[in-house]
Amino acid sequence: MTTSVPRPQTSRSTIPTATQSSSLVDVLERVLDKGIVIAGDISISVGSTELLSIRIRLLISSVDKAREIGISWWETDPYLSSRAQELMQTNQQLLERIEGLESELRALRSAES
């Protein structure tokens, strides 16, 4: 007579492991949600003389995460923001007006002398 031994019930683990596969979308979502920092230094030397040293710092995150940690340079970059382009044009016009006023002032001062 044979008796069957009951097997313990197993449940699937929801904790991701290295053997579980993730889709590219899942990985991208995690990276943008949490952010990732890549840092490195490159140094080129001949003998004991350092010829070139490059420090690389790369942060990949979502816009919301970047703002949360205090990074928002793209809002004022003249090549990325239409508002910044407008401010650059206004600044250029003001500089031209100042230059014109200074030349008029020099002309008036030289006329008085």
PDB file of N, CA and C in Angstrom:
ATOM      1  N   MET A   1       0.835  -1.172   0.000  1.00  0.00           N
ATOM      2  CA  MET A   1       0.000   0.000   0.000  1.00  0.00           C
ATOM      3  C   MET A   1       0.884   1.240   0.000  1.00  0.00           C
ATOM      4  N   THR A   2       0.584   2.133  -0.882  1.00  0.00           N
ATOM      5  CA  THR A   2       1.354   3.370  -0.988  1.00  0.00           C
ATOM      6  C   THR A   2       0.534   4.528  -0.454  1.00  0.00           C
ATOM      7  N   THR A   3       1.216   5.338   0.258  1.00  0.00           N
ATOM      8  CA  THR A   3       0.560   6.564   0.766  1.00  0.00           C
ATOM      9  C   THR A   3       1.210   7.759   0.114  1.00  0.00           C
ATOM     10  N   SER A   4       0.427   8.716  -0.178  1.00  0.00           N
ATOM     11  CA  SER A   4       0.987   9.929  -0.783  1.00  0.00           C
ATOM     12  C   SER A   4       1.267  10.948   0.305  1.00  0.00           C
ATOM     13  N   VAL A   5       2.394  11.531   0.196  1.00  0.00           N
ATOM     14  CA  VAL A   5       2.806  12.561   1.157  1.00  0.00           C
ATOM     15  C   VAL A   5       2.376  13.907   0.586  1.00  0.00           C
ATOM     16  N   PRO A   6       1.597  14.672   1.348  1.00  0.00           N
ATOM     17  CA  PRO A   6       1.172  15.975   0.825  1.00  0.00           C
ATOM     18  C   PRO A   6       2.359  16.915   0.679  1.00  0.00           C
ATOM     19  N   ARG A   7       2.373  17.592  -0.418  1.00  0.00           N
ATOM     20  CA  ARG A   7       3.437  18.573  -0.676  1.00  0.00           C
ATOM     21  C   ARG A   7       3.037  19.918  -0.079  1.00  0.00           C
ATOM     22  N   PRO A   8       4.020  20.625   0.426  1.00  0.00           N
ATOM     23  CA  PRO A   8       3.684  21.956   0.964  1.00  0.00           C
ATOM     24  C   PRO A   8       3.273  22.875  -0.166  1.00  0.00           C
ATOM     25  N   GLN A   9       2.298  23.721   0.150  1.00  0.00           N
ATOM     26  CA  GLN A   9       1.827  24.664  -0.854  1.00  0.00           C
ATOM     27  C   GLN A   9       2.840  25.793  -0.985  1.00  0.00           C
ATOM     28  N   THR A  10       3.113  26.154  -2.205  1.00  0.00           N
ATOM     29  CA  THR A  10       4.045  27.250  -2.459  1.00  0.00           C
ATOM     30  C   THR A  10       3.285  28.396  -3.081  1.00  0.00           C
ATOM     31  N   SER A  11       3.668  29.571  -2.727  1.00  0.00           N
ATOM     32  CA  SER A  11       3.052  30.759  -3.330  1.00  0.00           C
ATOM     33  C   SER A  11       4.114  31.482  -4.128  1.00  0.00           C
ATOM     34  N   ARG A  12       3.691  32.150  -5.149  1.00  0.00           N
ATOM     35  CA  ARG A  12       4.642  32.898  -5.973  1.00  0.00           C
ATOM     36  C   ARG A  12       5.131  34.128  -5.222  1.00  0.00           C
ATOM     37  N   SER A  13       6.394  34.354  -5.292  1.00  0.00           N
ATOM     38  CA  SER A  13       6.998  35.507  -4.636  1.00  0.00           C
ATOM     39  C   SER A  13       6.776  36.757  -5.489  1.00  0.00           C
ATOM     40  N   THR A  14       6.429  37.879  -4.852  1.00  0.00           N
ATOM     41  CA  THR A  14       6.259  39.134  -5.587  1.00  0.00           C
ATOM     42  C   THR A  14       7.502  40.001  -5.503  1.00  0.00           C
ATOM     43  N   ILE A  15       8.509  39.495  -4.795  1.00  0.00           N
ATOM     44  CA  ILE A  15       9.758  40.248  -4.694  1.00  0.00           C
ATOM     45  C   ILE A  15      10.585  39.961  -5.934  1.00  0.00           C
ATOM     46  N   PRO A  16      10.985  40.995  -6.663  1.00  0.00           N
ATOM     47  CA  PRO A  16      11.769  40.757  -7.879  1.00  0.00           C
ATOM     48  C   PRO A  16      13.142  40.200  -7.539  1.00  0.00           C
ATOM     49  N   THR A  17      13.573  39.231  -8.283  1.00  0.00           N
ATOM     50  CA  THR A  17      14.906  38.656  -8.109  1.00  0.00           C
ATOM     51  C   THR A  17      15.656  38.788  -9.415  1.00  0.00           C
ATOM     52  N   ALA A  18      16.921  38.441  -9.373  1.00  0.00           N
ATOM     53  CA  ALA A  18      17.752  38.558 -10.564  1.00  0.00           C
ATOM     54  C   ALA A  18      17.316  37.600 -11.658  1.00  0.00           C
ATOM     55  N   THR A  19      16.638  36.516 -11.278  1.00  0.00           N
ATOM     56  CA  THR A  19      16.234  35.546 -12.293  1.00  0.00           C
ATOM     57  C   THR A  19      14.918  35.917 -12.953  1.00  0.00           C
ATOM     58  N   GLN A  20      14.154  36.822 -12.348  1.00  0.00           N
ATOM     59  CA  GLN A  20      12.904  37.245 -12.966  1.00  0.00           C
ATOM     60  C   GLN A  20      13.214  38.251 -14.069  1.00  0.00           C
ATOM     61  N   SER A  21      12.494  38.145 -15.148  1.00  0.00           N
ATOM     62  CA  SER A  21      12.734  39.092 -16.234  1.00  0.00           C
ATOM     63  C   SER A  21      11.794  40.281 -16.084  1.00  0.00           C
ATOM     64  N   SER A  22      12.295  41.429 -16.481  1.00  0.00           N
ATOM     65  CA  SER A  22      11.503  42.657 -16.453  1.00  0.00           C
ATOM     66  C   SER A  22      11.477  43.213 -17.860  1.00  0.00           C
ATOM     67  N   SER A  23      10.371  43.801 -18.178  1.00  0.00           N
ATOM     68  CA  SER A  23      10.305  44.425 -19.495  1.00  0.00           C
ATOM     69  C   SER A  23      11.043  45.764 -19.445  1.00  0.00           C
ATOM     70  N   LEU A  24      11.394  46.255 -20.589  1.00  0.00           N
ATOM     71  CA  LEU A  24      12.101  47.529 -20.680  1.00  0.00           C
ATOM     72  C   LEU A  24      11.276  48.655 -20.070  1.00  0.00           C
ATOM     73  N   VAL A  25       9.971  48.581 -20.241  1.00  0.00           N
ATOM     74  CA  VAL A  25       9.081  49.604 -19.690  1.00  0.00           C
ATOM     75  C   VAL A  25       9.145  49.600 -18.166  1.00  0.00           C
ATOM     76  N   ASP A  26       9.165  48.408 -17.554  1.00  0.00           N
ATOM     77  CA  ASP A  26       9.259  48.317 -16.093  1.00  0.00           C
ATOM     78  C   ASP A  26      10.565  48.906 -15.586  1.00  0.00           C
ATOM     79  N   VAL A  27      11.654  48.585 -16.245  1.00  0.00           N
ATOM     80  CA  VAL A  27      12.961  49.101 -15.836  1.00  0.00           C
ATOM     81  C   VAL A  27      12.997  50.613 -15.987  1.00  0.00           C
ATOM     82  N   LEU A  28      12.513  51.126 -17.109  1.00  0.00           N
ATOM     83  CA  LEU A  28      12.495  52.569 -17.341  1.00  0.00           C
ATOM     84  C   LEU A  28      11.629  53.279 -16.310  1.00  0.00           C
ATOM     85  N   GLU A  29      10.488  52.695 -15.989  1.00  0.00           N
ATOM     86  CA  GLU A  29       9.601  53.292 -14.987  1.00  0.00           C
ATOM     87  C   GLU A  29      10.295  53.374 -13.633  1.00  0.00           C
ATOM     88  N   ARG A  30      10.997  52.323 -13.245  1.00  0.00           N
ATOM     89  CA  ARG A  30      11.711  52.329 -11.961  1.00  0.00           C
ATOM     90  C   ARG A  30      12.827  53.366 -11.948  1.00  0.00           C
ATOM     91  N   VAL A  31      13.575  53.437 -13.054  1.00  0.00           N
ATOM     92  CA  VAL A  31      14.685  54.389 -13.117  1.00  0.00           C
ATOM     93  C   VAL A  31      14.163  55.811 -13.037  1.00  0.00           C
ATOM     94  N   LEU A  32      13.111  56.135 -13.781  1.00  0.00           N
ATOM     95  CA  LEU A  32      12.576  57.490 -13.764  1.00  0.00           C
ATOM     96  C   LEU A  32      11.905  57.829 -12.444  1.00  0.00           C
ATOM     97  N   ASP A  33      11.336  56.842 -11.794  1.00  0.00           N
ATOM     98  CA  ASP A  33      10.684  57.085 -10.509  1.00  0.00           C
ATOM     99  C   ASP A  33      11.705  57.347  -9.409  1.00  0.00           C
ATOM    100  N   LYS A  34      12.732  56.546  -9.359  1.00  0.00           N
ATOM    101  CA  LYS A  34      13.728  56.659  -8.293  1.00  0.00           C
ATOM    102  C   LYS A  34      14.914  57.532  -8.696  1.00  0.00           C
ATOM    103  N   GLY A  35      15.273  57.502  -9.966  1.00  0.00           N
ATOM    104  CA  GLY A  35      16.453  58.220 -10.435  1.00  0.00           C
ATOM    105  C   GLY A  35      17.669  57.319 -10.361  1.00  0.00           C
ATOM    106  N   ILE A  36      18.668  57.654 -11.136  1.00  0.00           N
ATOM    107  CA  ILE A  36      19.916  56.891 -11.126  1.00  0.00           C
ATOM    108  C   ILE A  36      21.055  57.875 -11.328  1.00  0.00           C
ATOM    109  N   VAL A  37      22.137  57.667 -10.603  1.00  0.00           N
ATOM    110  CA  VAL A  37      23.308  58.519 -10.719  1.00  0.00           C
ATOM    111  C   VAL A  37      24.473  57.660 -11.186  1.00  0.00           C
ATOM    112  N   ILE A  38      25.150  58.145 -12.218  1.00  0.00           N
ATOM    113  CA  ILE A  38      26.335  57.463 -12.727  1.00  0.00           C
ATOM    114  C   ILE A  38      27.479  58.457 -12.589  1.00  0.00           C
ATOM    115  N   ALA A  39      28.528  58.055 -11.910  1.00  0.00           N
ATOM    116  CA  ALA A  39      29.662  58.945 -11.696  1.00  0.00           C
ATOM    117  C   ALA A  39      30.947  58.210 -12.039  1.00  0.00           C
ATOM    118  N   GLY A  40      31.885  58.923 -12.599  1.00  0.00           N
ATOM    119  CA  GLY A  40      33.159  58.303 -12.924  1.00  0.00           C
ATOM    120  C   GLY A  40      34.209  59.331 -13.251  1.00  0.00           C
ATOM    121  N   ASP A  41      35.444  58.917 -13.147  1.00  0.00           N
ATOM    122  CA  ASP A  41      36.579  59.762 -13.467  1.00  0.00           C
ATOM    123  C   ASP A  41      37.428  59.049 -14.510  1.00  0.00           C
ATOM    124  N   ILE A  42      37.867  59.802 -15.509  1.00  0.00           N
ATOM    125  CA  ILE A  42      38.746  59.269 -16.537  1.00  0.00           C
ATOM    126  C   ILE A  42      40.033  60.079 -16.482  1.00  0.00           C
ATOM    127  N   SER A  43      41.132  59.387 -16.419  1.00  0.00           N
ATOM    128  CA  SER A  43      42.414  60.066 -16.350  1.00  0.00           C
ATOM    129  C   SER A  43      43.369  59.423 -17.355  1.00  0.00           C
ATOM    130  N   ILE A  44      44.014  60.258 -18.165  1.00  0.00           N
ATOM    131  CA  ILE A  44      44.993  59.772 -19.141  1.00  0.00           C
ATOM    132  C   ILE A  44      46.353  60.327 -18.735  1.00  0.00           C
ATOM    133  N   SER A  45      47.262  59.431 -18.512  1.00  0.00           N
ATOM    134  CA  SER A  45      48.595  59.821 -18.062  1.00  0.00           C
ATOM    135  C   SER A  45      49.649  59.136 -18.906  1.00  0.00           C
ATOM    136  N   VAL A  46      50.781  59.796 -19.039  1.00  0.00           N
ATOM    137  CA  VAL A  46      51.967  59.207 -19.638  1.00  0.00           C
ATOM    138  C   VAL A  46      53.047  59.278 -18.575  1.00  0.00           C
ATOM    139  N   GLY A  47      53.448  58.124 -18.124  1.00  0.00           N
ATOM    140  CA  GLY A  47      54.400  58.092 -17.019  1.00  0.00           C
ATOM    141  C   GLY A  47      53.726  58.634 -15.772  1.00  0.00           C
ATOM    142  N   SER A  48      54.329  59.632 -15.173  1.00  0.00           N
ATOM    143  CA  SER A  48      53.733  60.243 -13.989  1.00  0.00           C
ATOM    144  C   SER A  48      53.082  61.587 -14.320  1.00  0.00           C
ATOM    145  N   THR A  49      52.996  61.930 -15.607  1.00  0.00           N
ATOM    146  CA  THR A  49      52.407  63.199 -16.031  1.00  0.00           C
ATOM    147  C   THR A  49      50.974  62.980 -16.486  1.00  0.00           C
ATOM    148  N   GLU A  50      50.062  63.632 -15.810  1.00  0.00           N
ATOM    149  CA  GLU A  50      48.649  63.517 -16.190  1.00  0.00           C
ATOM    150  C   GLU A  50      48.373  64.463 -17.345  1.00  0.00           C
ATOM    151  N   LEU A  51      47.879  63.893 -18.446  1.00  0.00           N
ATOM    152  CA  LEU A  51      47.598  64.693 -19.630  1.00  0.00           C
ATOM    153  C   LEU A  51      46.167  65.189 -19.682  1.00  0.00           C
ATOM    154  N   LEU A  52      45.245  64.366 -19.226  1.00  0.00           N
ATOM    155  CA  LEU A  52      43.828  64.699 -19.334  1.00  0.00           C
ATOM    156  C   LEU A  52      43.081  64.079 -18.163  1.00  0.00           C
ATOM    157  N   SER A  53      42.202  64.854 -17.590  1.00  0.00           N
ATOM    158  CA  SER A  53      41.356  64.354 -16.500  1.00  0.00           C
ATOM    159  C   SER A  53      39.929  64.790 -16.767  1.00  0.00           C
ATOM    160  N   ILE A  54      39.008  63.832 -16.797  1.00  0.00           N
ATOM    161  CA  ILE A  54      37.598  64.112 -17.069  1.00  0.00           C
ATOM    162  C   ILE A  54      36.765  63.547 -15.921  1.00  0.00           C
ATOM    163  N   ARG A  55      35.907  64.395 -15.374  1.00  0.00           N
ATOM    164  CA  ARG A  55      34.975  63.944 -14.330  1.00  0.00           C
ATOM    165  C   ARG A  55      33.588  63.878 -14.947  1.00  0.00           C
ATOM    166  N   ILE A  56      32.984  62.724 -14.870  1.00  0.00           N
ATOM    167  CA  ILE A  56      31.664  62.518 -15.463  1.00  0.00           C
ATOM    168  C   ILE A  56      30.652  62.302 -14.353  1.00  0.00           C
ATOM    169  N   ARG A  57      29.595  63.090 -14.377  1.00  0.00           N
ATOM    170  CA  ARG A  57      28.489  62.942 -13.436  1.00  0.00           C
ATOM    171  C   ARG A  57      27.212  62.957 -14.257  1.00  0.00           C
ATOM    172  N   LEU A  58      26.419  61.913 -14.158  1.00  0.00           N
ATOM    173  CA  LEU A  58      25.210  61.784 -14.950  1.00  0.00           C
ATOM    174  C   LEU A  58      24.054  61.435 -14.034  1.00  0.00           C
ATOM    175  N   LEU A  59      22.975  62.186 -14.127  1.00  0.00           N
ATOM    176  CA  LEU A  59      21.769  61.919 -13.348  1.00  0.00           C
ATOM    177  C   LEU A  59      20.632  61.669 -14.323  1.00  0.00           C
ATOM    178  N   ILE A  60      19.981  60.540 -14.183  1.00  0.00           N
ATOM    179  CA  ILE A  60      18.824  60.216 -15.008  1.00  0.00           C
ATOM    180  C   ILE A  60      17.627  60.108 -14.076  1.00  0.00           C
ATOM    181  N   SER A  61      16.619  60.937 -14.331  1.00  0.00           N
ATOM    182  CA  SER A  61      15.413  60.907 -13.499  1.00  0.00           C
ATOM    183  C   SER A  61      14.273  61.558 -14.261  1.00  0.00           C
ATOM    184  N   SER A  62      13.104  61.479 -13.677  1.00  0.00           N
ATOM    185  CA  SER A  62      11.953  62.164 -14.259  1.00  0.00           C
ATOM    186  C   SER A  62      12.035  63.644 -13.917  1.00  0.00           C
ATOM    187  N   VAL A  63      11.272  64.456 -14.617  1.00  0.00           N
ATOM    188  CA  VAL A  63      11.253  65.890 -14.351  1.00  0.00           C
ATOM    189  C   VAL A  63      10.764  66.153 -12.931  1.00  0.00           C
ATOM    190  N   ASP A  64       9.736  65.439 -12.507  1.00  0.00           N
ATOM    191  CA  ASP A  64       9.204  65.633 -11.154  1.00  0.00           C
ATOM    192  C   ASP A  64      10.247  65.302 -10.100  1.00  0.00           C
ATOM    193  N   LYS A  65      10.976  64.204 -10.275  1.00  0.00           N
ATOM    194  CA  LYS A  65      12.008  63.814  -9.318  1.00  0.00           C
ATOM    195  C   LYS A  65      13.141  64.833  -9.314  1.00  0.00           C
ATOM    196  N   ALA A  66      13.526  65.324 -10.489  1.00  0.00           N
ATOM    197  CA  ALA A  66      14.594  66.328 -10.561  1.00  0.00           C
ATOM    198  C   ALA A  66      14.183  67.603  -9.829  1.00  0.00           C
ATOM    199  N   ARG A  67      12.949  68.057 -10.045  1.00  0.00           N
ATOM    200  CA  ARG A  67      12.469  69.247  -9.324  1.00  0.00           C
ATOM    201  C   ARG A  67      12.446  69.000  -7.822  1.00  0.00           C
ATOM    202  N   GLU A  68      12.083  67.786  -7.432  1.00  0.00           N
ATOM    203  CA  GLU A  68      12.017  67.430  -6.011  1.00  0.00           C
ATOM    204  C   GLU A  68      13.385  67.561  -5.352  1.00  0.00           C
ATOM    205  N   ILE A  69      14.447  67.245  -6.078  1.00  0.00           N
ATOM    206  CA  ILE A  69      15.790  67.345  -5.500  1.00  0.00           C
ATOM    207  C   ILE A  69      16.462  68.682  -5.824  1.00  0.00           C
ATOM    208  N   GLY A  70      15.722  69.595  -6.448  1.00  0.00           N
ATOM    209  CA  GLY A  70      16.215  70.957  -6.641  1.00  0.00           C
ATOM    210  C   GLY A  70      16.924  71.220  -7.955  1.00  0.00           C
ATOM    211  N   ILE A  71      16.692  70.403  -8.955  1.00  0.00           N
ATOM    212  CA  ILE A  71      17.331  70.606 -10.252  1.00  0.00           C
ATOM    213  C   ILE A  71      16.264  71.038 -11.255  1.00  0.00           C
ATOM    214  N   SER A  72      16.462  72.217 -11.855  1.00  0.00           N
ATOM    215  CA  SER A  72      15.500  72.698 -12.855  1.00  0.00           C
ATOM    216  C   SER A  72      16.177  73.603 -13.882  1.00  0.00           C
ATOM    217  N   TRP A  73      17.395  73.290 -14.261  1.00  0.00           N
ATOM    218  CA  TRP A  73      18.160  74.136 -15.170  1.00  0.00           C
ATOM    219  C   TRP A  73      17.516  74.270 -16.540  1.00  0.00           C
ATOM    220  N   TRP A  74      16.756  73.306 -16.968  1.00  0.00           N
ATOM    221  CA  TRP A  74      16.152  73.344 -18.303  1.00  0.00           C
ATOM    222  C   TRP A  74      15.093  74.433 -18.428  1.00  0.00           C
ATOM    223  N   GLU A  75      14.589  74.934 -17.297  1.00  0.00           N
ATOM    224  CA  GLU A  75      13.560  75.975 -17.338  1.00  0.00           C
ATOM    225  C   GLU A  75      14.142  77.314 -17.765  1.00  0.00           C
ATOM    226  N   THR A  76      15.436  77.525 -17.543  1.00  0.00           N
ATOM    227  CA  THR A  76      16.067  78.790 -17.888  1.00  0.00           C
ATOM    228  C   THR A  76      17.103  78.655 -18.986  1.00  0.00           C
ATOM    229  N   ASP A  77      17.302  77.473 -19.510  1.00  0.00           N
ATOM    230  CA  ASP A  77      18.262  77.270 -20.598  1.00  0.00           C
ATOM    231  C   ASP A  77      17.710  77.934 -21.860  1.00  0.00           C
ATOM    232  N   PRO A  78      18.456  78.863 -22.447  1.00  0.00           N
ATOM    233  CA  PRO A  78      17.931  79.598 -23.604  1.00  0.00           C
ATOM    234  C   PRO A  78      17.653  78.725 -24.815  1.00  0.00           C
ATOM    235  N   TYR A  79      18.265  77.581 -24.884  1.00  0.00           N
ATOM    236  CA  TYR A  79      18.052  76.712 -26.037  1.00  0.00           C
ATOM    237  C   TYR A  79      16.908  75.738 -25.825  1.00  0.00           C
ATOM    238  N   LEU A  80      16.386  75.660 -24.618  1.00  0.00           N
ATOM    239  CA  LEU A  80      15.310  74.714 -24.332  1.00  0.00           C
ATOM    240  C   LEU A  80      13.991  75.378 -23.968  1.00  0.00           C
ATOM    241  N   SER A  81      14.027  76.633 -23.574  1.00  0.00           N
ATOM    242  CA  SER A  81      12.830  77.305 -23.084  1.00  0.00           C
ATOM    243  C   SER A  81      12.473  78.486 -23.977  1.00  0.00           C
ATOM    244  N   SER A  82      11.222  78.562 -24.405  1.00  0.00           N
ATOM    245  CA  SER A  82      10.786  79.693 -25.226  1.00  0.00           C
ATOM    246  C   SER A  82      10.809  80.983 -24.409  1.00  0.00           C
ATOM    247  N   ARG A  83      10.506  80.906 -23.134  1.00  0.00           N
ATOM    248  CA  ARG A  83      10.542  82.080 -22.256  1.00  0.00           C
ATOM    249  C   ARG A  83      11.972  82.604 -22.137  1.00  0.00           C
ATOM    250  N   ALA A  84      12.917  81.703 -22.039  1.00  0.00           N
ATOM    251  CA  ALA A  84      14.312  82.109 -21.938  1.00  0.00           C
ATOM    252  C   ALA A  84      14.769  82.772 -23.239  1.00  0.00           C
ATOM    253  N   GLN A  85      14.296  82.276 -24.389  1.00  0.00           N
ATOM    254  CA  GLN A  85      14.623  82.914 -25.674  1.00  0.00           C
ATOM    255  C   GLN A  85      14.113  84.351 -25.692  1.00  0.00           C
ATOM    256  N   GLU A  86      12.890  84.527 -25.209  1.00  0.00           N
ATOM    257  CA  GLU A  86      12.293  85.866 -25.155  1.00  0.00           C
ATOM    258  C   GLU A  86      13.113  86.775 -24.240  1.00  0.00           C
ATOM    259  N   LEU A  87      13.551  86.255 -23.105  1.00  0.00           N
ATOM    260  CA  LEU A  87      14.357  87.041 -22.178  1.00  0.00           C
ATOM    261  C   LEU A  87      15.706  87.398 -22.782  1.00  0.00           C
ATOM    262  N   MET A  88      16.295  86.498 -23.549  1.00  0.00           N
ATOM    263  CA  MET A  88      17.568  86.806 -24.203  1.00  0.00           C
ATOM    264  C   MET A  88      17.409  87.923 -25.222  1.00  0.00           C
ATOM    265  N   GLN A  89      16.310  87.901 -25.972  1.00  0.00           N
ATOM    266  CA  GLN A  89      16.064  88.961 -26.955  1.00  0.00           C
ATOM    267  C   GLN A  89      15.852  90.296 -26.262  1.00  0.00           C
ATOM    268  N   THR A  90      15.078  90.302 -25.180  1.00  0.00           N
ATOM    269  CA  THR A  90      14.844  91.524 -24.420  1.00  0.00           C
ATOM    270  C   THR A  90      16.151  92.048 -23.845  1.00  0.00           C
ATOM    271  N   ASN A  91      16.960  91.154 -23.338  1.00  0.00           N
ATOM    272  CA  ASN A  91      18.252  91.543 -22.784  1.00  0.00           C
ATOM    273  C   ASN A  91      19.133  92.174 -23.858  1.00  0.00           C
ATOM    274  N   GLN A  92      19.154  91.591 -25.040  1.00  0.00           N
ATOM    275  CA  GLN A  92      19.949  92.126 -26.140  1.00  0.00           C
ATOM    276  C   GLN A  92      19.453  93.524 -26.534  1.00  0.00           C
ATOM    277  N   GLN A  93      18.135  93.712 -26.586  1.00  0.00           N
ATOM    278  CA  GLN A  93      17.575  95.025 -26.920  1.00  0.00           C
ATOM    279  C   GLN A  93      17.949  96.064 -25.868  1.00  0.00           C
ATOM    280  N   LEU A  94      17.900  95.678 -24.596  1.00  0.00           N
ATOM    281  CA  LEU A  94      18.266  96.604 -23.523  1.00  0.00           C
ATOM    282  C   LEU A  94      19.742  96.974 -23.593  1.00  0.00           C
ATOM    283  N   LEU A  95      20.587  95.992 -23.898  1.00  0.00           N
ATOM    284  CA  LEU A  95      22.017  96.290 -24.033  1.00  0.00           C
ATOM    285  C   LEU A  95      22.266  97.260 -25.176  1.00  0.00           C
ATOM    286  N   GLU A  96      21.548  97.100 -26.280  1.00  0.00           N
ATOM    287  CA  GLU A  96      21.699  98.022 -27.412  1.00  0.00           C
ATOM    288  C   GLU A  96      21.229  99.425 -27.042  1.00  0.00           C
ATOM    289  N   ARG A  97      20.128  99.527 -26.278  1.00  0.00           N
ATOM    290  CA  ARG A  97      19.639 100.851 -25.843  1.00  0.00           C
ATOM    291  C   ARG A  97      20.634 101.522 -24.910  1.00  0.00           C
ATOM    292  N   ILE A  98      21.211 100.752 -23.993  1.00  0.00           N
ATOM    293  CA  ILE A  98      22.202 101.311 -23.064  1.00  0.00           C
ATOM    294  C   ILE A  98      23.415 101.810 -23.838  1.00  0.00           C
ATOM    295  N   GLU A  99      23.842 101.020 -24.798  1.00  0.00           N
ATOM    296  CA  GLU A  99      24.983 101.419 -25.625  1.00  0.00           C
ATOM    297  C   GLU A  99      24.694 102.729 -26.365  1.00  0.00           C
ATOM    298  N   GLY A 100      23.481 102.859 -26.906  1.00  0.00           N
ATOM    299  CA  GLY A 100      23.081 104.086 -27.598  1.00  0.00           C
ATOM    300  C   GLY A 100      23.044 105.277 -26.662  1.00  0.00           C
ATOM    301  N   LEU A 101      22.480 105.084 -25.449  1.00  0.00           N
ATOM    302  CA  LEU A 101      22.422 106.179 -24.472  1.00  0.00           C
ATOM    303  C   LEU A 101      23.820 106.598 -24.026  1.00  0.00           C
ATOM    304  N   GLU A 102      24.711 105.633 -23.833  1.00  0.00           N
ATOM    305  CA  GLU A 102      26.083 105.970 -23.426  1.00  0.00           C
ATOM    306  C   GLU A 102      26.809 106.740 -24.529  1.00  0.00           C
ATOM    307  N   SER A 103      26.572 106.375 -25.777  1.00  0.00           N
ATOM    308  CA  SER A 103      27.232 107.121 -26.868  1.00  0.00           C
ATOM    309  C   SER A 103      26.664 108.545 -26.960  1.00  0.00           C
ATOM    310  N   GLU A 104      25.355 108.717 -26.742  1.00  0.00           N
ATOM    311  CA  GLU A 104      24.761 110.065 -26.727  1.00  0.00           C
ATOM    312  C   GLU A 104      25.323 110.885 -25.581  1.00  0.00           C
ATOM    313  N   LEU A 105      25.484 110.253 -24.416  1.00  0.00           N
ATOM    314  CA  LEU A 105      26.029 110.951 -23.249  1.00  0.00           C
ATOM    315  C   LEU A 105      27.467 111.380 -23.503  1.00  0.00           C
ATOM    316  N   ARG A 106      28.258 110.513 -24.137  1.00  0.00           N
ATOM    317  CA  ARG A 106      29.630 110.890 -24.488  1.00  0.00           C
ATOM    318  C   ARG A 106      29.647 112.061 -25.468  1.00  0.00           C
ATOM    319  N   ALA A 107      28.732 112.039 -26.429  1.00  0.00           N
ATOM    320  CA  ALA A 107      28.662 113.125 -27.422  1.00  0.00           C
ATOM    321  C   ALA A 107      28.273 114.442 -26.745  1.00  0.00           C
ATOM    322  N   LEU A 108      27.327 114.412 -25.791  1.00  0.00           N
ATOM    323  CA  LEU A 108      26.931 115.640 -25.078  1.00  0.00           C
ATOM    324  C   LEU A 108      28.083 116.160 -24.234  1.00  0.00           C
ATOM    325  N   ARG A 109      28.819 115.269 -23.569  1.00  0.00           N
ATOM    326  CA  ARG A 109      29.935 115.693 -22.737  1.00  0.00           C
ATOM    327  C   ARG A 109      31.047 116.304 -23.581  1.00  0.00           C
ATOM    328  N   SER A 110      31.287 115.721 -24.735  1.00  0.00           N
ATOM    329  CA  SER A 110      32.353 116.276 -25.590  1.00  0.00           C
ATOM    330  C   SER A 110      31.911 117.613 -26.198  1.00  0.00           C
ATOM    331  N   ALA A 111      30.605 117.826 -26.410  1.00  0.00           N
ATOM    332  CA  ALA A 111      30.116 119.090 -26.950  1.00  0.00           C
ATOM    333  C   ALA A 111      30.225 120.203 -25.907  1.00  0.00           C
ATOM    334  N   GLU A 112      30.068 119.829 -24.620  1.00  0.00           N
ATOM    335  CA  GLU A 112      30.168 120.832 -23.560  1.00  0.00           C
ATOM    336  C   GLU A 112      31.593 121.298 -23.345  1.00  0.00           C
ATOM    337  N   SER A 113      32.554 120.436 -23.641  1.00  0.00           N
ATOM    338  CA  SER A 113      33.946 120.805 -23.380  1.00  0.00           C
ATOM    339  C   SER A 113      34.494 121.742 -24.386  1.00  0.00           C
TER     340      SER A 113
END
